Amino acid sequence: MLTIDPKKISTAKLQGYLQSAIAPRPIAFSSTVDKNGKPNLSPFSFFNIFSANPPILVFSPSRRVRDNSIKHTLINCQDTKQVVINVVNYDMVQQMSLSSTEYAEGVNEFEKAGLTAIPSEIVKPYRVAESPVQFECVVNQIIPLGTEGGAGNMIICEVVKIHINESVLDASGIIDPVKIDLVSRLGGNWYSRANQGLFEVEKPLATLGIGVDSIPDFIMESPIFKGNDLGKLGNVEALPTEEEITIFVKQNFEVKGVLSADDEMKKHQLAKEYLDNNEALTAWKVLLAKQ
């Protein structure tokens, strides 16, 4: 048996063991606003429910291991004492992952991830319309767990309003675990889908993805692409060049055939096949190719 002294390995390696062993973990998709009202959206898997009376949720934005900096979510919770915790289902997992990209302060992750911000009833942070359950919360307490990189900050939240999409309820008005289709976090790129098992989501780029807000309207309006497809398309650093697209088309007979047929939906369906195989850049080449 491998035996480890936590003080004798790097924090990054220790974190990897912890996240892989303590799993699957639910995801708190946390929406906050800064003191000037600008929105922020970020997921955290150090999260769970800790009390029903009063209703208490706890999540923990950790200090970054690489440089010991703290996250905007923590700063906003310190400043405003409010947060909305949205649950994450399979239909939005790619967009959720894209939102975790570390965009600069002031960048709207709702827009970058292509998610819909809707007003809350009691607190100031927005809710994620695509989330099947949204918890409006006030922050009761924040407990720092350390001062070094990797240290958590326990944010203890009291739920003051719950919003549930009726489509996930069964005939008795109870949340149906199959209909809600929640996802949870494991180590590395691994997630678990409550009703189907393990799957992978590639981590967002260390550099910045272009974001869903940079995707052209003809793709956004296509009936072929769903939220997860848009999340994958938004998680590329740059679009392929015309030269790259030309070379790709010349080397790919299937793409030539689709282009010669002049059928936009067939073109989108082919791009969707590449997205399903996690080949987002190739999907972009198909979408941007011209006859």
Protein backbone atom coordinates (compact mmCIF):
# COMPACT_ATOMS: atom_id res chain seq x y z
CA MET A 1 0.00 0.00 0.00
CA LEU A 2 1.21 3.48 -0.89
CA THR A 3 1.59 5.54 2.30
CA ILE A 4 1.94 9.31 2.05
CA ASP A 5 2.93 12.00 4.50
CA PRO A 6 1.03 15.09 3.24
CA LYS A 7 3.87 17.33 4.39
CA LYS A 8 6.43 15.51 2.25
CA ILE A 9 4.85 15.85 -1.20
CA SER A 10 4.01 18.90 -3.30
CA THR A 11 0.67 20.59 -2.78
CA ALA A 12 -0.27 19.99 -6.41
CA LYS A 13 0.36 16.24 -6.09
CA LEU A 14 -1.46 16.08 -2.77
CA GLN A 15 -4.42 17.90 -4.25
CA GLY A 16 -4.51 15.37 -7.08
CA TYR A 17 -4.71 12.45 -4.63
CA LEU A 18 -7.40 14.18 -2.56
CA GLN A 19 -9.58 15.08 -5.53
CA SER A 20 -9.31 11.60 -7.03
CA ALA A 21 -10.03 9.78 -3.75
CA ILE A 22 -12.76 12.03 -2.34
CA ALA A 23 -15.16 11.69 -5.24
CA PRO A 24 -17.53 12.07 -6.91
CA ARG A 25 -18.21 15.56 -5.58
CA PRO A 26 -21.25 17.74 -6.40
CA ILE A 27 -20.56 21.02 -8.15
CA ALA A 28 -21.48 24.45 -6.81
CA PHE A 29 -21.85 26.69 -9.85
CA SER A 30 -21.50 29.94 -7.94
CA SER A 31 -22.76 33.26 -9.20
CA THR A 32 -21.66 36.44 -7.44
CA VAL A 33 -21.40 40.15 -8.13
CA ASP A 34 -18.62 42.50 -7.10
CA LYS A 35 -19.23 45.63 -5.06
CA ASN A 36 -19.97 47.52 -8.30
CA GLY A 37 -22.55 44.94 -9.42
CA LYS A 38 -20.45 43.22 -12.11
CA PRO A 39 -21.30 39.49 -12.37
CA ASN A 40 -18.92 36.58 -11.88
CA LEU A 41 -19.59 32.88 -12.44
CA SER A 42 -17.36 29.98 -11.42
CA PRO A 43 -17.71 26.28 -10.46
CA PHE A 44 -16.39 24.69 -7.27
CA SER A 45 -16.41 20.99 -6.40
CA PHE A 46 -15.45 21.41 -2.74
CA PHE A 47 -19.16 21.67 -1.95
CA ASN A 48 -22.06 20.04 -0.12
CA ILE A 49 -25.19 20.51 2.03
CA PHE A 50 -24.56 20.59 5.79
CA SER A 51 -27.90 21.44 7.38
CA ALA A 52 -31.62 21.46 6.56
CA ASN A 53 -32.84 23.67 9.43
CA PRO A 54 -31.49 26.20 8.79
CA PRO A 55 -30.71 25.21 5.16
CA ILE A 56 -26.93 25.52 4.92
CA LEU A 57 -24.68 24.94 1.92
CA VAL A 58 -20.89 25.14 2.18
CA PHE A 59 -18.38 25.52 -0.65
CA SER A 60 -14.71 26.39 -0.66
CA PRO A 61 -12.79 28.50 -3.20
CA SER A 62 -9.17 27.49 -2.61
CA ARG A 63 -6.17 29.74 -2.92
CA ARG A 64 -4.42 29.03 -6.22
CA VAL A 65 -1.54 26.59 -5.80
CA ARG A 66 0.67 28.20 -8.42
CA ASP A 67 0.77 31.75 -7.03
CA ASN A 68 -1.28 31.76 -3.79
CA SER A 69 -3.78 34.26 -5.22
CA ILE A 70 -7.47 34.20 -4.30
CA LYS A 71 -10.45 33.95 -6.62
CA HIS A 72 -12.99 36.60 -7.57
CA THR A 73 -15.80 34.50 -6.06
CA LEU A 74 -14.18 34.69 -2.63
CA ILE A 75 -13.58 38.44 -2.91
CA ASN A 76 -17.18 39.03 -3.99
CA CYS A 77 -18.58 36.92 -1.14
CA GLN A 78 -16.45 38.86 1.31
CA ASP A 79 -17.68 42.18 -0.11
CA THR A 80 -21.39 41.47 -0.69
CA LYS A 81 -22.19 38.47 1.58
CA GLN A 82 -24.41 37.03 -1.18
CA VAL A 83 -24.16 34.17 -3.69
CA VAL A 84 -26.37 32.03 -5.91
CA ILE A 85 -25.42 28.36 -6.08
CA ASN A 86 -26.68 26.70 -9.25
CA VAL A 87 -26.55 22.93 -9.71
CA VAL A 88 -24.96 21.48 -12.86
CA ASN A 89 -26.57 18.87 -15.09
CA TYR A 90 -25.16 17.10 -18.12
CA ASP A 91 -26.70 19.47 -20.66
CA MET A 92 -24.56 22.38 -19.44
CA VAL A 93 -21.36 20.66 -18.28
CA GLN A 94 -19.17 21.93 -21.15
CA GLN A 95 -20.35 25.50 -20.64
CA MET A 96 -19.77 25.18 -16.91
CA SER A 97 -16.23 23.97 -17.59
CA LEU A 98 -15.56 26.85 -19.99
CA SER A 99 -16.69 29.34 -17.33
CA SER A 100 -13.88 28.13 -15.07
CA THR A 101 -11.34 29.70 -17.45
CA GLU A 102 -9.51 32.43 -15.58
CA TYR A 103 -10.68 35.43 -17.55
CA ALA A 104 -9.61 38.87 -16.38
CA GLU A 105 -11.53 40.68 -13.67
CA GLY A 106 -14.65 42.27 -15.13
CA VAL A 107 -15.09 39.74 -17.96
CA ASN A 108 -18.63 38.34 -17.87
CA GLU A 109 -18.41 34.53 -17.62
CA PHE A 110 -22.14 34.25 -18.36
CA GLU A 111 -21.44 35.69 -21.82
CA LYS A 112 -18.21 33.74 -22.35
CA ALA A 113 -19.93 30.45 -21.49
CA GLY A 114 -23.10 31.28 -23.41
CA LEU A 115 -25.30 30.97 -20.33
CA THR A 116 -28.36 33.05 -19.49
CA ALA A 117 -28.27 35.38 -16.48
CA ILE A 118 -31.66 35.93 -14.85
CA PRO A 119 -32.42 38.15 -11.83
CA SER A 120 -32.75 36.66 -8.37
CA GLU A 121 -35.66 37.57 -6.12
CA ILE A 122 -33.83 38.30 -2.85
CA VAL A 123 -30.08 38.51 -3.49
CA LYS A 124 -28.21 40.58 -6.08
CA PRO A 125 -26.22 37.86 -7.92
CA TYR A 126 -27.87 36.46 -11.03
CA ARG A 127 -29.12 32.92 -11.43
CA VAL A 128 -28.14 30.58 -14.30
CA ALA A 129 -31.34 29.98 -16.25
CA GLU A 130 -30.05 26.70 -17.68
CA SER A 131 -29.48 25.22 -14.21
CA PRO A 132 -32.37 22.97 -13.09
CA VAL A 133 -32.10 24.10 -9.44
CA GLN A 134 -30.87 27.48 -8.18
CA PHE A 135 -30.28 28.45 -4.55
CA GLU A 136 -30.27 32.10 -3.56
CA CYS A 137 -28.03 32.39 -0.51
CA VAL A 138 -26.71 34.85 2.02
CA VAL A 139 -23.19 34.28 3.35
CA ASN A 140 -23.25 33.64 7.09
CA GLN A 141 -19.53 33.08 7.61
CA ILE A 142 -16.24 32.66 5.76
CA ILE A 143 -13.58 30.55 7.45
CA PRO A 144 -10.03 30.71 6.03
CA LEU A 145 -8.36 27.31 6.36
CA GLY A 146 -4.81 28.48 5.72
CA THR A 147 -2.66 31.13 4.12
CA GLU A 148 -0.64 29.13 1.58
CA GLY A 149 -1.45 28.05 -1.96
CA GLY A 150 -4.08 25.29 -1.95
CA ALA A 151 -5.70 26.44 1.30
CA GLY A 152 -9.48 26.52 1.21
CA ASN A 153 -11.90 29.19 2.38
CA MET A 154 -15.12 27.70 3.71
CA ILE A 155 -18.05 29.86 2.66
CA ILE A 156 -21.04 28.97 4.83
CA CYS A 157 -24.24 29.99 3.04
CA GLU A 158 -27.85 30.04 4.18
CA VAL A 159 -30.45 29.34 1.49
CA VAL A 160 -33.12 32.05 1.37
CA LYS A 161 -34.91 31.05 -1.84
CA ILE A 162 -34.96 27.91 -4.03
CA HIS A 163 -35.95 27.77 -7.71
CA ILE A 164 -36.64 24.36 -9.29
CA ASN A 165 -37.38 23.72 -12.95
CA GLU A 166 -40.61 21.71 -12.95
CA SER A 167 -39.31 19.54 -15.81
CA VAL A 168 -37.08 17.65 -13.32
CA LEU A 169 -39.95 16.77 -10.97
CA ASP A 170 -41.78 13.45 -10.88
CA ALA A 171 -45.56 13.01 -10.56
CA SER A 172 -45.29 13.49 -6.78
CA GLY A 173 -43.45 16.80 -7.10
CA ILE A 174 -40.13 15.27 -6.00
CA ILE A 175 -36.89 15.80 -7.91
CA ASP A 176 -36.37 12.81 -10.21
CA PRO A 177 -32.66 11.80 -10.23
CA VAL A 178 -32.90 10.64 -13.84
CA LYS A 179 -34.62 13.76 -15.11
CA ILE A 180 -32.29 16.18 -13.31
CA ASP A 181 -29.26 14.33 -14.75
CA LEU A 182 -26.69 15.86 -12.38
CA VAL A 183 -22.95 15.63 -12.93
CA SER A 184 -20.20 15.46 -10.33
CA ARG A 185 -16.45 15.99 -10.23
CA LEU A 186 -13.62 13.52 -9.80
CA GLY A 187 -9.86 13.94 -10.31
CA GLY A 188 -8.16 15.11 -13.52
CA ASN A 189 -10.55 15.47 -16.45
CA TRP A 190 -13.04 12.99 -14.99
CA TYR A 191 -16.70 13.62 -14.21
CA SER A 192 -19.57 11.33 -13.32
CA ARG A 193 -23.05 11.51 -14.79
CA ALA A 194 -25.56 10.41 -12.17
CA ASN A 195 -27.52 8.13 -14.45
CA GLN A 196 -24.79 6.86 -16.80
CA GLY A 197 -21.33 6.82 -15.21
CA LEU A 198 -17.90 8.29 -15.94
CA PHE A 199 -16.97 10.65 -18.77
CA GLU A 200 -14.21 13.16 -19.49
CA VAL A 201 -14.31 16.90 -20.03
CA GLU A 202 -11.09 18.46 -21.24
CA LYS A 203 -9.91 21.17 -18.87
CA PRO A 204 -10.21 24.72 -20.20
CA LEU A 205 -7.13 26.09 -21.84
CA ALA A 206 -4.38 27.57 -19.69
CA THR A 207 -4.67 30.40 -22.21
CA LEU A 208 -8.09 31.96 -22.77
CA GLY A 209 -10.74 30.29 -24.91
CA ILE A 210 -12.50 32.59 -27.39
CA GLY A 211 -15.80 32.06 -25.53
CA VAL A 212 -19.30 31.30 -26.75
CA ASP A 213 -19.87 35.02 -27.20
CA SER A 214 -17.41 34.93 -30.13
CA ILE A 215 -19.26 32.20 -32.04
CA PRO A 216 -20.97 33.50 -35.23
CA ASP A 217 -24.75 33.71 -35.34
CA PHE A 218 -25.12 31.06 -38.06
CA ILE A 219 -23.71 28.51 -35.60
CA MET A 220 -25.54 29.84 -32.55
CA GLU A 221 -28.85 29.67 -34.41
CA SER A 222 -28.32 26.17 -35.80
CA PRO A 223 -30.67 23.49 -34.40
CA ILE A 224 -27.79 20.99 -34.54
CA PHE A 225 -25.70 22.48 -31.75
CA LYS A 226 -26.63 22.34 -28.05
CA GLY A 227 -25.04 24.01 -25.04
CA ASN A 228 -22.29 21.42 -24.66
CA ASP A 229 -21.35 21.79 -28.33
CA LEU A 230 -21.12 25.56 -27.98
CA GLY A 231 -18.98 25.13 -24.86
CA LYS A 232 -16.50 23.02 -26.82
CA LEU A 233 -16.43 25.48 -29.72
CA GLY A 234 -15.81 28.33 -27.29
CA ASN A 235 -12.89 26.56 -25.67
CA VAL A 236 -10.40 27.07 -28.50
CA GLU A 237 -7.65 29.63 -28.24
CA ALA A 238 -8.04 30.88 -31.82
CA LEU A 239 -9.98 30.05 -34.95
CA PRO A 240 -8.20 28.15 -37.74
CA THR A 241 -6.67 30.28 -40.47
CA GLU A 242 -7.92 30.27 -44.06
CA GLU A 243 -4.77 28.41 -45.08
CA GLU A 244 -5.38 25.71 -42.44
CA ILE A 245 -8.99 25.36 -43.59
CA THR A 246 -7.97 25.10 -47.25
CA ILE A 247 -5.41 22.38 -46.53
CA PHE A 248 -7.92 20.48 -44.40
CA VAL A 249 -10.59 20.54 -47.13
CA LYS A 250 -8.13 19.39 -49.80
CA GLN A 251 -7.15 16.40 -47.66
CA ASN A 252 -10.69 15.43 -46.59
CA PHE A 253 -12.98 13.90 -49.22
CA GLU A 254 -15.97 13.76 -46.87
CA VAL A 255 -15.81 17.50 -46.31
CA LYS A 256 -15.47 18.11 -50.05
CA GLY A 257 -18.60 16.06 -50.63
CA VAL A 258 -20.59 17.96 -48.02
CA LEU A 259 -19.46 21.30 -49.42
CA SER A 260 -20.33 20.32 -52.99
CA ALA A 261 -23.81 19.30 -51.84
CA ASP A 262 -24.30 22.86 -50.57
CA ASP A 263 -26.34 21.58 -47.60
CA GLU A 264 -25.74 23.68 -44.49
CA MET A 265 -27.36 21.18 -42.14
CA LYS A 266 -25.17 18.33 -43.40
CA LYS A 267 -22.18 20.57 -42.82
CA HIS A 268 -23.31 21.24 -39.26
CA GLN A 269 -23.99 17.56 -38.65
CA LEU A 270 -20.47 16.67 -39.78
CA ALA A 271 -19.03 19.34 -37.47
CA LYS A 272 -21.15 17.88 -34.66
CA GLU A 273 -19.56 14.45 -35.23
CA TYR A 274 -16.12 16.00 -34.72
CA LEU A 275 -17.32 17.76 -31.58
CA ASP A 276 -18.64 14.46 -30.22
CA ASN A 277 -15.09 13.12 -30.64
CA ASN A 278 -13.69 16.21 -28.84
CA GLU A 279 -12.10 17.56 -32.02
CA ALA A 280 -13.27 21.14 -31.67
CA LEU A 281 -10.66 22.73 -33.93
CA THR A 282 -11.52 20.30 -36.74
CA ALA A 283 -15.21 21.10 -36.23
CA TRP A 284 -14.35 24.77 -36.69
CA LYS A 285 -12.56 23.97 -39.97
CA VAL A 286 -15.71 22.25 -41.25
CA LEU A 287 -17.96 25.11 -40.15
CA LEU A 288 -15.78 27.82 -41.67
CA ALA A 289 -15.00 25.96 -44.91
CA LYS A 290 -16.41 27.47 -48.10
CA GLN A 291 -17.54 25.72 -51.25
